[in-house]
Amino acid sequence: MSAAEDQEPQLRQERDRAHRAERMLSDELFTDAIASIKGWCHEQWENSPMEDVKGRENLRLMIGVVNRFETIFATHLTTGKLAVKQLSDLEEKRKRFRLLRSR
């Protein structure tokens, strides 16, 4: 079994996770919730007194967490696209091997 074949289960899992991430990122409820949280944080930050350094820092951290959350989903998408390509390449190699064997 080749290294690529050894990785096939993981590649399939990454592909499936990418599909799930894509569904989440294209779900209006999900995107609205993210936008709402970011908007609320920005609004709170803009309306907070300059002296409330701790509160402002906490809002900045919250925005950072939401951004990181989105980045995780985007990373699953990218990883999944690469996995789809690798799975396609693996299947192409298998087809070529079967053709060579049948001759």
N, C-alpha and C. Protein backbone atom coordinates (compact mmCIF):
# COMPACT_ATOMS: atom_id res chain seq x y z
N MET A 1 0.85 -1.18 0.00
CA MET A 1 0.00 0.00 0.00
C MET A 1 0.90 1.25 0.00
N SER A 2 0.60 2.20 -0.87
CA SER A 2 1.41 3.41 -0.98
C SER A 2 1.08 4.38 0.15
N ALA A 3 1.93 5.39 0.29
CA ALA A 3 1.72 6.41 1.33
C ALA A 3 0.40 7.13 1.10
N ALA A 4 0.09 7.42 -0.16
CA ALA A 4 -1.17 8.10 -0.48
C ALA A 4 -2.36 7.24 -0.10
N GLU A 5 -2.26 5.93 -0.36
CA GLU A 5 -3.34 5.02 0.01
C GLU A 5 -3.49 4.93 1.52
N ASP A 6 -2.38 4.99 2.24
CA ASP A 6 -2.43 4.99 3.70
C ASP A 6 -3.18 6.21 4.22
N GLN A 7 -3.07 7.32 3.50
CA GLN A 7 -3.70 8.56 3.92
C GLN A 7 -5.14 8.71 3.44
N GLU A 8 -5.59 7.78 2.65
CA GLU A 8 -6.93 7.91 2.06
C GLU A 8 -8.04 8.12 3.08
N PRO A 9 -8.09 7.36 4.17
CA PRO A 9 -9.16 7.62 5.15
C PRO A 9 -9.11 9.05 5.72
N GLN A 10 -7.91 9.53 5.99
CA GLN A 10 -7.76 10.89 6.49
C GLN A 10 -8.18 11.91 5.43
N LEU A 11 -7.81 11.67 4.19
CA LEU A 11 -8.19 12.57 3.10
C LEU A 11 -9.71 12.62 2.95
N ARG A 12 -10.35 11.47 3.07
CA ARG A 12 -11.81 11.44 2.97
C ARG A 12 -12.45 12.21 4.14
N GLN A 13 -11.87 12.07 5.31
CA GLN A 13 -12.38 12.80 6.47
C GLN A 13 -12.22 14.31 6.27
N GLU A 14 -11.07 14.72 5.76
CA GLU A 14 -10.83 16.15 5.51
C GLU A 14 -11.80 16.68 4.46
N ARG A 15 -12.05 15.88 3.43
CA ARG A 15 -13.01 16.28 2.39
C ARG A 15 -14.40 16.46 3.00
N ASP A 16 -14.80 15.51 3.84
CA ASP A 16 -16.13 15.57 4.46
C ASP A 16 -16.25 16.76 5.41
N ARG A 17 -15.20 17.02 6.16
CA ARG A 17 -15.21 18.17 7.06
C ARG A 17 -15.30 19.48 6.28
N ALA A 18 -14.66 19.51 5.12
CA ALA A 18 -14.74 20.71 4.27
C ALA A 18 -16.16 20.94 3.79
N HIS A 19 -16.85 19.86 3.43
CA HIS A 19 -18.24 20.01 3.01
C HIS A 19 -19.10 20.55 4.15
N ARG A 20 -18.85 20.05 5.35
CA ARG A 20 -19.61 20.53 6.50
C ARG A 20 -19.29 22.00 6.79
N ALA A 21 -18.02 22.35 6.70
CA ALA A 21 -17.62 23.74 6.93
C ALA A 21 -18.25 24.66 5.89
N GLU A 22 -18.27 24.20 4.64
CA GLU A 22 -18.86 24.99 3.57
C GLU A 22 -20.35 25.23 3.82
N ARG A 23 -21.03 24.17 4.27
CA ARG A 23 -22.46 24.34 4.58
C ARG A 23 -22.65 25.36 5.70
N MET A 24 -21.79 25.30 6.70
CA MET A 24 -21.90 26.25 7.81
C MET A 24 -21.65 27.68 7.33
N LEU A 25 -20.58 27.87 6.58
CA LEU A 25 -20.20 29.21 6.13
C LEU A 25 -21.18 29.79 5.12
N SER A 26 -21.96 28.94 4.48
CA SER A 26 -22.95 29.45 3.53
C SER A 26 -24.35 29.51 4.15
N ASP A 27 -24.47 29.08 5.40
CA ASP A 27 -25.76 29.12 6.09
C ASP A 27 -26.02 30.54 6.58
N GLU A 28 -27.11 31.13 6.14
CA GLU A 28 -27.43 32.51 6.48
C GLU A 28 -27.55 32.71 7.99
N LEU A 29 -28.11 31.75 8.69
CA LEU A 29 -28.26 31.86 10.14
C LEU A 29 -26.88 31.96 10.81
N PHE A 30 -25.96 31.13 10.36
CA PHE A 30 -24.61 31.13 10.90
C PHE A 30 -23.90 32.45 10.62
N THR A 31 -23.94 32.88 9.36
CA THR A 31 -23.24 34.11 8.99
C THR A 31 -23.87 35.33 9.66
N ASP A 32 -25.19 35.31 9.80
CA ASP A 32 -25.85 36.41 10.50
C ASP A 32 -25.45 36.45 11.98
N ALA A 33 -25.32 35.28 12.58
CA ALA A 33 -24.92 35.23 13.99
C ALA A 33 -23.50 35.78 14.17
N ILE A 34 -22.60 35.39 13.30
CA ILE A 34 -21.22 35.89 13.37
C ILE A 34 -21.20 37.40 13.19
N ALA A 35 -21.91 37.88 12.17
CA ALA A 35 -21.96 39.32 11.92
C ALA A 35 -22.59 40.07 13.09
N SER A 36 -23.59 39.48 13.69
CA SER A 36 -24.25 40.10 14.84
C SER A 36 -23.30 40.22 16.03
N ILE A 37 -22.56 39.18 16.30
CA ILE A 37 -21.59 39.21 17.41
C ILE A 37 -20.53 40.27 17.15
N LYS A 38 -19.99 40.28 15.93
CA LYS A 38 -18.97 41.28 15.60
C LYS A 38 -19.54 42.69 15.71
N GLY A 39 -20.73 42.88 15.18
CA GLY A 39 -21.36 44.20 15.23
C GLY A 39 -21.60 44.66 16.66
N TRP A 40 -22.08 43.73 17.49
CA TRP A 40 -22.33 44.06 18.89
C TRP A 40 -21.02 44.45 19.58
N CYS A 41 -19.97 43.69 19.35
CA CYS A 41 -18.68 43.99 19.97
C CYS A 41 -18.16 45.36 19.53
N HIS A 42 -18.24 45.64 18.25
CA HIS A 42 -17.78 46.94 17.76
C HIS A 42 -18.61 48.08 18.36
N GLU A 43 -19.91 47.87 18.41
CA GLU A 43 -20.80 48.90 18.99
C GLU A 43 -20.47 49.14 20.46
N GLN A 44 -20.27 48.05 21.19
CA GLN A 44 -19.93 48.18 22.62
C GLN A 44 -18.60 48.89 22.79
N TRP A 45 -17.65 48.55 21.94
CA TRP A 45 -16.33 49.17 22.01
C TRP A 45 -16.43 50.66 21.71
N GLU A 46 -17.16 51.02 20.65
CA GLU A 46 -17.30 52.44 20.29
C GLU A 46 -17.98 53.25 21.38
N ASN A 47 -18.91 52.63 22.10
CA ASN A 47 -19.66 53.35 23.13
C ASN A 47 -19.07 53.22 24.52
N SER A 48 -17.95 52.53 24.63
CA SER A 48 -17.35 52.36 25.95
C SER A 48 -16.49 53.57 26.30
N PRO A 49 -16.44 53.90 27.59
CA PRO A 49 -15.59 55.02 28.00
C PRO A 49 -14.11 54.68 27.80
N MET A 50 -13.34 55.66 27.43
CA MET A 50 -11.91 55.46 27.20
C MET A 50 -11.22 54.90 28.44
N GLU A 51 -11.75 55.22 29.61
CA GLU A 51 -11.13 54.77 30.86
C GLU A 51 -11.35 53.27 31.10
N ASP A 52 -12.31 52.68 30.40
CA ASP A 52 -12.63 51.26 30.61
C ASP A 52 -11.69 50.39 29.77
N VAL A 53 -10.44 50.44 30.11
CA VAL A 53 -9.43 49.71 29.35
C VAL A 53 -9.69 48.21 29.39
N LYS A 54 -10.01 47.69 30.55
CA LYS A 54 -10.24 46.25 30.70
C LYS A 54 -11.44 45.81 29.85
N GLY A 55 -12.52 46.57 29.90
CA GLY A 55 -13.71 46.24 29.11
C GLY A 55 -13.42 46.27 27.62
N ARG A 56 -12.66 47.28 27.19
CA ARG A 56 -12.32 47.41 25.78
C ARG A 56 -11.40 46.26 25.33
N GLU A 57 -10.49 45.89 26.21
CA GLU A 57 -9.61 44.75 25.89
C GLU A 57 -10.42 43.47 25.76
N ASN A 58 -11.40 43.28 26.63
CA ASN A 58 -12.24 42.09 26.57
C ASN A 58 -13.03 42.04 25.26
N LEU A 59 -13.54 43.19 24.82
CA LEU A 59 -14.27 43.24 23.55
C LEU A 59 -13.34 42.91 22.39
N ARG A 60 -12.13 43.41 22.45
CA ARG A 60 -11.15 43.11 21.39
C ARG A 60 -10.84 41.61 21.37
N LEU A 61 -10.72 41.02 22.54
CA LEU A 61 -10.49 39.57 22.63
C LEU A 61 -11.67 38.80 22.04
N MET A 62 -12.88 39.25 22.32
CA MET A 62 -14.07 38.58 21.79
C MET A 62 -14.07 38.62 20.26
N ILE A 63 -13.73 39.76 19.71
CA ILE A 63 -13.66 39.88 18.25
C ILE A 63 -12.58 38.94 17.71
N GLY A 64 -11.46 38.85 18.41
CA GLY A 64 -10.39 37.95 18.00
C GLY A 64 -10.84 36.49 18.01
N VAL A 65 -11.61 36.12 19.01
CA VAL A 65 -12.11 34.74 19.10
C VAL A 65 -13.06 34.45 17.94
N VAL A 66 -13.95 35.38 17.64
CA VAL A 66 -14.87 35.18 16.52
C VAL A 66 -14.10 35.08 15.20
N ASN A 67 -13.10 35.93 15.02
CA ASN A 67 -12.28 35.85 13.81
C ASN A 67 -11.56 34.51 13.72
N ARG A 68 -11.04 34.04 14.83
CA ARG A 68 -10.35 32.74 14.85
C ARG A 68 -11.31 31.61 14.51
N PHE A 69 -12.52 31.71 15.03
CA PHE A 69 -13.57 30.74 14.76
C PHE A 69 -13.82 30.65 13.25
N GLU A 70 -13.95 31.80 12.60
CA GLU A 70 -14.14 31.83 11.15
C GLU A 70 -12.93 31.26 10.41
N THR A 71 -11.75 31.58 10.89
CA THR A 71 -10.52 31.09 10.26
C THR A 71 -10.45 29.57 10.32
N ILE A 72 -10.89 28.99 11.40
CA ILE A 72 -10.89 27.53 11.53
C ILE A 72 -11.75 26.90 10.44
N PHE A 73 -12.93 27.46 10.22
CA PHE A 73 -13.80 26.94 9.17
C PHE A 73 -13.17 27.13 7.79
N ALA A 74 -12.58 28.29 7.56
CA ALA A 74 -11.92 28.55 6.27
C ALA A 74 -10.76 27.58 6.05
N THR A 75 -10.04 27.26 7.10
CA THR A 75 -8.94 26.31 7.00
C THR A 75 -9.45 24.93 6.63
N HIS A 76 -10.59 24.53 7.22
CA HIS A 76 -11.19 23.24 6.85
C HIS A 76 -11.54 23.22 5.37
N LEU A 77 -12.03 24.35 4.85
CA LEU A 77 -12.35 24.43 3.42
C LEU A 77 -11.11 24.23 2.56
N THR A 78 -10.05 24.93 2.90
CA THR A 78 -8.81 24.84 2.13
C THR A 78 -8.22 23.44 2.19
N THR A 79 -8.17 22.89 3.39
CA THR A 79 -7.63 21.54 3.57
C THR A 79 -8.46 20.52 2.79
N GLY A 80 -9.77 20.70 2.82
CA GLY A 80 -10.67 19.80 2.10
C GLY A 80 -10.48 19.87 0.60
N LYS A 81 -10.26 21.06 0.07
CA LYS A 81 -10.01 21.20 -1.36
C LYS A 81 -8.74 20.47 -1.77
N LEU A 82 -7.71 20.58 -0.93
CA LEU A 82 -6.47 19.85 -1.21
C LEU A 82 -6.70 18.34 -1.13
N ALA A 83 -7.50 17.91 -0.17
CA ALA A 83 -7.79 16.49 -0.02
C ALA A 83 -8.55 15.97 -1.23
N VAL A 84 -9.50 16.74 -1.74
CA VAL A 84 -10.25 16.34 -2.93
C VAL A 84 -9.29 16.14 -4.10
N LYS A 85 -8.36 17.04 -4.26
CA LYS A 85 -7.36 16.93 -5.33
C LYS A 85 -6.52 15.66 -5.16
N GLN A 86 -6.07 15.42 -3.93
CA GLN A 86 -5.25 14.23 -3.68
C GLN A 86 -6.05 12.95 -3.91
N LEU A 87 -7.31 12.94 -3.51
CA LEU A 87 -8.15 11.76 -3.73
C LEU A 87 -8.37 11.54 -5.22
N SER A 88 -8.56 12.62 -5.95
CA SER A 88 -8.72 12.53 -7.40
C SER A 88 -7.46 11.98 -8.06
N ASP A 89 -6.30 12.47 -7.62
CA ASP A 89 -5.03 11.97 -8.14
C ASP A 89 -4.85 10.49 -7.84
N LEU A 90 -5.22 10.09 -6.64
CA LEU A 90 -5.09 8.69 -6.23
C LEU A 90 -5.99 7.80 -7.10
N GLU A 91 -7.21 8.25 -7.33
CA GLU A 91 -8.13 7.48 -8.17
C GLU A 91 -7.61 7.38 -9.61
N GLU A 92 -7.03 8.46 -10.11
CA GLU A 92 -6.46 8.46 -11.46
C GLU A 92 -5.31 7.45 -11.56
N LYS A 93 -4.49 7.41 -10.53
CA LYS A 93 -3.38 6.44 -10.51
C LYS A 93 -3.92 5.01 -10.51
N ARG A 94 -4.98 4.79 -9.76
CA ARG A 94 -5.57 3.45 -9.71
C ARG A 94 -6.12 3.05 -11.07
N LYS A 95 -6.76 3.99 -11.75
CA LYS A 95 -7.29 3.70 -13.09
C LYS A 95 -6.17 3.34 -14.04
N ARG A 96 -5.09 4.12 -14.01
CA ARG A 96 -3.95 3.83 -14.89
C ARG A 96 -3.35 2.47 -14.58
N PHE A 97 -3.24 2.14 -13.31
CA PHE A 97 -2.68 0.85 -12.90
C PHE A 97 -3.56 -0.29 -13.40
N ARG A 98 -4.89 -0.13 -13.28
CA ARG A 98 -5.80 -1.18 -13.75
C ARG A 98 -5.69 -1.34 -15.27
N LEU A 99 -5.54 -0.23 -15.98
CA LEU A 99 -5.37 -0.32 -17.44
C LEU A 99 -4.08 -1.06 -17.81
N LEU A 100 -3.02 -0.76 -17.10
CA LEU A 100 -1.74 -1.42 -17.37
C LEU A 100 -1.84 -2.92 -17.07
N ARG A 101 -2.51 -3.27 -16.01
CA ARG A 101 -2.64 -4.67 -15.63
C ARG A 101 -3.52 -5.46 -16.61
N SER A 102 -4.49 -4.77 -17.21
CA SER A 102 -5.42 -5.47 -18.11
C SER A 102 -4.83 -5.70 -19.50
N ARG A 103 -3.70 -5.14 -19.79
CA ARG A 103 -3.07 -5.30 -21.11
C ARG A 103 -2.34 -6.59 -21.22
